[in-house]
C-alpha atoms as a PDB file:
ATOM      1  CA  MET A   1      37.296 -28.476  31.181  1.00  0.00           C
ATOM      2  CA  GLY A   2      35.082 -28.010  28.695  1.00  0.00           C
ATOM      3  CA  ALA A   3      34.606 -28.086  24.639  1.00  0.00           C
ATOM      4  CA  TRP A   4      32.821 -25.850  22.697  1.00  0.00           C
ATOM      5  CA  ASP A   5      32.762 -27.170  18.745  1.00  0.00           C
ATOM      6  CA  THR A   6      34.390 -29.950  17.418  1.00  0.00           C
ATOM      7  CA  GLY A   7      37.886 -28.612  15.943  1.00  0.00           C
ATOM      8  CA  ILE A   8      41.109 -29.936  17.831  1.00  0.00           C
ATOM      9  CA  PHE A   9      41.582 -26.799  19.846  1.00  0.00           C
ATOM     10  CA  ASP A  10      37.841 -26.096  20.635  1.00  0.00           C
ATOM     11  CA  ASP A  11      38.372 -27.536  23.900  1.00  0.00           C
ATOM     12  CA  ASP A  12      40.310 -26.260  27.218  1.00  0.00           C
ATOM     13  CA  THR A  13      42.945 -28.998  27.552  1.00  0.00           C
ATOM     14  CA  ALA A  14      44.250 -28.841  24.237  1.00  0.00           C
ATOM     15  CA  CYS A  15      44.040 -24.944  23.770  1.00  0.00           C
ATOM     16  CA  ASP A  16      46.151 -25.028  27.314  1.00  0.00           C
ATOM     17  CA  VAL A  17      48.462 -27.761  25.833  1.00  0.00           C
ATOM     18  CA  ARG A  18      49.104 -25.097  22.632  1.00  0.00           C
ATOM     19  CA  ASP A  19      49.555 -22.227  24.322  1.00  0.00           C
ATOM     20  CA  GLU A  20      51.987 -24.093  26.822  1.00  0.00           C
ATOM     21  CA  PHE A  21      54.033 -25.317  24.437  1.00  0.00           C
ATOM     22  CA  LEU A  22      54.269 -22.067  22.173  1.00  0.00           C
ATOM     23  CA  ASP A  23      55.044 -20.669  25.774  1.00  0.00           C
ATOM     24  CA  TYR A  24      58.218 -23.065  26.229  1.00  0.00           C
ATOM     25  CA  LEU A  25      59.024 -22.445  22.747  1.00  0.00           C
ATOM     26  CA  GLU A  26      58.984 -18.853  23.089  1.00  0.00           C
ATOM     27  CA  GLN A  27      60.986 -19.224  26.046  1.00  0.00           C
ATOM     28  CA  GLY A  28      63.626 -20.687  23.581  1.00  0.00           C
ATOM     29  CA  HIS A  29      63.299 -24.148  24.821  1.00  0.00           C
ATOM     30  CA  THR A  30      63.981 -26.568  21.842  1.00  0.00           C
ATOM     31  CA  PRO A  31      60.835 -28.646  20.572  1.00  0.00           C
ATOM     32  CA  LYS A  32      61.681 -31.592  22.574  1.00  0.00           C
ATOM     33  CA  GLU A  33      62.373 -30.159  25.437  1.00  0.00           C
ATOM     34  CA  ALA A  34      59.023 -28.263  25.559  1.00  0.00           C
ATOM     35  CA  THR A  35      57.364 -31.736  24.465  1.00  0.00           C
ATOM     36  CA  GLU A  36      59.030 -33.369  27.556  1.00  0.00           C
ATOM     37  CA  PHE A  37      57.728 -30.512  29.932  1.00  0.00           C
ATOM     38  CA  MET A  38      54.441 -30.742  28.651  1.00  0.00           C
ATOM     39  CA  LEU A  39      54.196 -34.725  28.459  1.00  0.00           C
ATOM     40  CA  ASP A  40      55.507 -34.773  31.950  1.00  0.00           C
ATOM     41  CA  ASP A  41      52.853 -32.106  33.531  1.00  0.00           C
ATOM     42  CA  TYR A  42      50.016 -33.981  31.750  1.00  0.00           C
ATOM     43  CA  LEU A  43      51.045 -37.238  32.433  1.00  0.00           C
ATOM     44  CA  GLU A  44      51.730 -36.879  36.319  1.00  0.00           C
ATOM     45  CA  GLU A  45      48.111 -35.723  36.342  1.00  0.00           C
ATOM     46  CA  SER A  46      46.609 -38.512  34.509  1.00  0.00           C
ATOM     47  CA  SER A  47      47.025 -42.579  34.128  1.00  0.00           C
ATOM     48  CA  PHE A  48      47.394 -43.303  30.511  1.00  0.00           C
ATOM     49  CA  ASP A  49      45.360 -46.300  31.048  1.00  0.00           C
ATOM     50  CA  GLU A  50      42.706 -44.852  33.131  1.00  0.00           C
ATOM     51  CA  ASP A  51      42.417 -41.146  31.497  1.00  0.00           C
ATOM     52  CA  GLN A  52      42.487 -42.307  27.730  1.00  0.00           C
ATOM     53  CA  GLU A  53      39.931 -39.351  26.938  1.00  0.00           C
ATOM     54  CA  VAL A  54      42.005 -36.275  28.383  1.00  0.00           C
ATOM     55  CA  LEU A  55      45.535 -38.175  27.471  1.00  0.00           C
ATOM     56  CA  SER A  56      43.696 -37.866  23.707  1.00  0.00           C
ATOM     57  CA  LEU A  57      43.155 -34.651  24.221  1.00  0.00           C
ATOM     58  CA  VAL A  58      46.744 -34.133  25.039  1.00  0.00           C
ATOM     59  CA  TYR A  59      48.551 -35.731  22.705  1.00  0.00           C
ATOM     60  CA  CYS A  60      45.926 -34.404  19.640  1.00  0.00           C
ATOM     61  CA  GLY A  61      46.553 -31.234  20.825  1.00  0.00           C
ATOM     62  CA  LEU A  62      50.158 -31.281  20.627  1.00  0.00           C
ATOM     63  CA  ALA A  63      50.719 -33.175  17.534  1.00  0.00           C
ATOM     64  CA  ALA A  64      48.817 -30.056  16.190  1.00  0.00           C
ATOM     65  CA  VAL A  65      50.770 -27.752  17.005  1.00  0.00           C
ATOM     66  CA  GLN A  66      54.099 -29.298  16.515  1.00  0.00           C
ATOM     67  CA  LEU A  67      52.842 -30.196  13.114  1.00  0.00           C
ATOM     68  CA  GLU A  68      52.024 -26.000  12.988  1.00  0.00           C
ATOM     69  CA  LYS A  69      55.082 -25.489  14.004  1.00  0.00           C
ATOM     70  CA  ASN A  70      56.885 -28.195  11.446  1.00  0.00           C
ATOM     71  CA  CYS A  71      58.698 -29.855  14.629  1.00  0.00           C
ATOM     72  CA  LEU A  72      56.443 -32.809  14.811  1.00  0.00           C
ATOM     73  CA  GLN A  73      58.051 -35.934  17.452  1.00  0.00           C
ATOM     74  CA  LYS A  74      57.649 -39.566  16.376  1.00  0.00           C
ATOM     75  CA  ASP A  75      56.742 -40.380  19.731  1.00  0.00           C
ATOM     76  CA  VAL A  76      54.105 -38.391  19.856  1.00  0.00           C
ATOM     77  CA  LYS A  77      52.646 -39.072  15.985  1.00  0.00           C
ATOM     78  CA  ILE A  78      52.751 -42.916  16.923  1.00  0.00           C
ATOM     79  CA  THR A  79      51.004 -42.362  19.931  1.00  0.00           C
ATOM     80  CA  THR A  80      48.758 -39.625  18.642  1.00  0.00           C
ATOM     81  CA  ILE A  81      47.679 -41.711  16.029  1.00  0.00           C
ATOM     82  CA  GLY A  82      47.557 -44.906  18.407  1.00  0.00           C
ATOM     83  CA  LEU A  83      44.892 -42.887  20.095  1.00  0.00           C
ATOM     84  CA  ILE A  84      42.593 -41.696  17.425  1.00  0.00           C
ATOM     85  CA  LYS A  85      42.833 -45.284  15.985  1.00  0.00           C
ATOM     86  CA  GLY A  86      41.562 -46.653  19.562  1.00  0.00           C
ATOM     87  CA  GLY A  87      38.391 -43.900  19.491  1.00  0.00           C
ATOM     88  CA  ALA A  88      39.512 -42.679  22.986  1.00  0.00           C
ATOM     89  CA  ASP A  89      38.451 -38.805  22.155  1.00  0.00           C
ATOM     90  CA  LEU A  90      35.033 -39.753  20.702  1.00  0.00           C
ATOM     91  CA  GLU A  91      34.461 -41.724  23.241  1.00  0.00           C
ATOM     92  CA  MET A  92      33.701 -38.207  25.287  1.00  0.00           C
ATOM     93  CA  TRP A  93      31.502 -37.248  21.366  1.00  0.00           C
ATOM     94  CA  GLU A  94      29.197 -40.279  21.983  1.00  0.00           C
ATOM     95  CA  GLU A  95      26.708 -38.753  24.411  1.00  0.00           C
ATOM     96  CA  ALA A  96      26.520 -35.543  21.354  1.00  0.00           C
ATOM     97  CA  GLY A  97      26.265 -38.138  18.895  1.00  0.00           C
ATOM     98  CA  GLY A  98      24.781 -37.439  15.422  1.00  0.00           C
ATOM     99  CA  GLU A  99      26.544 -34.373  13.519  1.00  0.00           C
ATOM    100  CA  GLU A 100      28.649 -33.414  16.563  1.00  0.00           C
ATOM    101  CA  TYR A 101      30.020 -37.008  16.687  1.00  0.00           C
ATOM    102  CA  ARG A 102      30.499 -37.021  12.608  1.00  0.00           C
ATOM    103  CA  ASN A 103      32.381 -33.898  12.709  1.00  0.00           C
ATOM    104  CA  ARG A 104      34.573 -34.874  15.299  1.00  0.00           C
ATOM    105  CA  GLU A 105      35.434 -37.969  13.749  1.00  0.00           C
ATOM    106  CA  LYS A 106      36.098 -35.970  10.698  1.00  0.00           C
ATOM    107  CA  VAL A 107      38.463 -33.945  12.106  1.00  0.00           C
ATOM    108  CA  LEU A 108      40.569 -36.574  13.932  1.00  0.00           C
ATOM    109  CA  ASN A 109      40.747 -38.647  10.914  1.00  0.00           C
ATOM    110  CA  ASP A 110      42.246 -35.547   8.915  1.00  0.00           C
ATOM    111  CA  LEU A 111      44.476 -34.942  11.831  1.00  0.00           C
ATOM    112  CA  LYS A 112      45.880 -38.713  11.843  1.00  0.00           C
ATOM    113  CA  GLN A 113      45.782 -38.134   7.561  1.00  0.00           C
ATOM    114  CA  ALA A 114      47.786 -35.416   8.259  1.00  0.00           C
ATOM    115  CA  LEU A 115      50.358 -37.110  10.758  1.00  0.00           C
ATOM    116  CA  ASP A 116      50.787 -40.035   8.446  1.00  0.00           C
ATOM    117  CA  GLN A 117      52.285 -37.938   6.239  1.00  0.00           C
ATOM    118  CA  GLU A 118      54.968 -36.572   8.424  1.00  0.00           C
ATOM    119  CA  ARG A 119      58.026 -38.207   9.034  1.00  0.00           C
ATOM    120  CA  GLY A 120      58.171 -36.773  12.417  1.00  0.00           C
ATOM    121  CA  GLN A 121      61.952 -36.287  13.864  1.00  0.00           C
END
């Protein structure tokens, strides 16, 4: 897993989430089905209590792609906002510190604001 910048999709995990979600949609699955497939795959590999950083990447990527496709799922919205508020993703950026940390924090806050404005399905 690696990140090359502070954007939502500037990380291998988030990119994989976006690409796999879009692949499911292209195969004819509904957004709800694609979401269930994605979460089943990632939650099978990660513990919600122990892998907050990874799950934050998964949920942020999933929420962002759902926003782009106008199919935001309410449970994805709520979970993503909770993870952002909890700062799970920012723990990884503390080591980088300074400007990168502030940039990532802004990206996450922008996503949270966008999610707050959407009703979700």
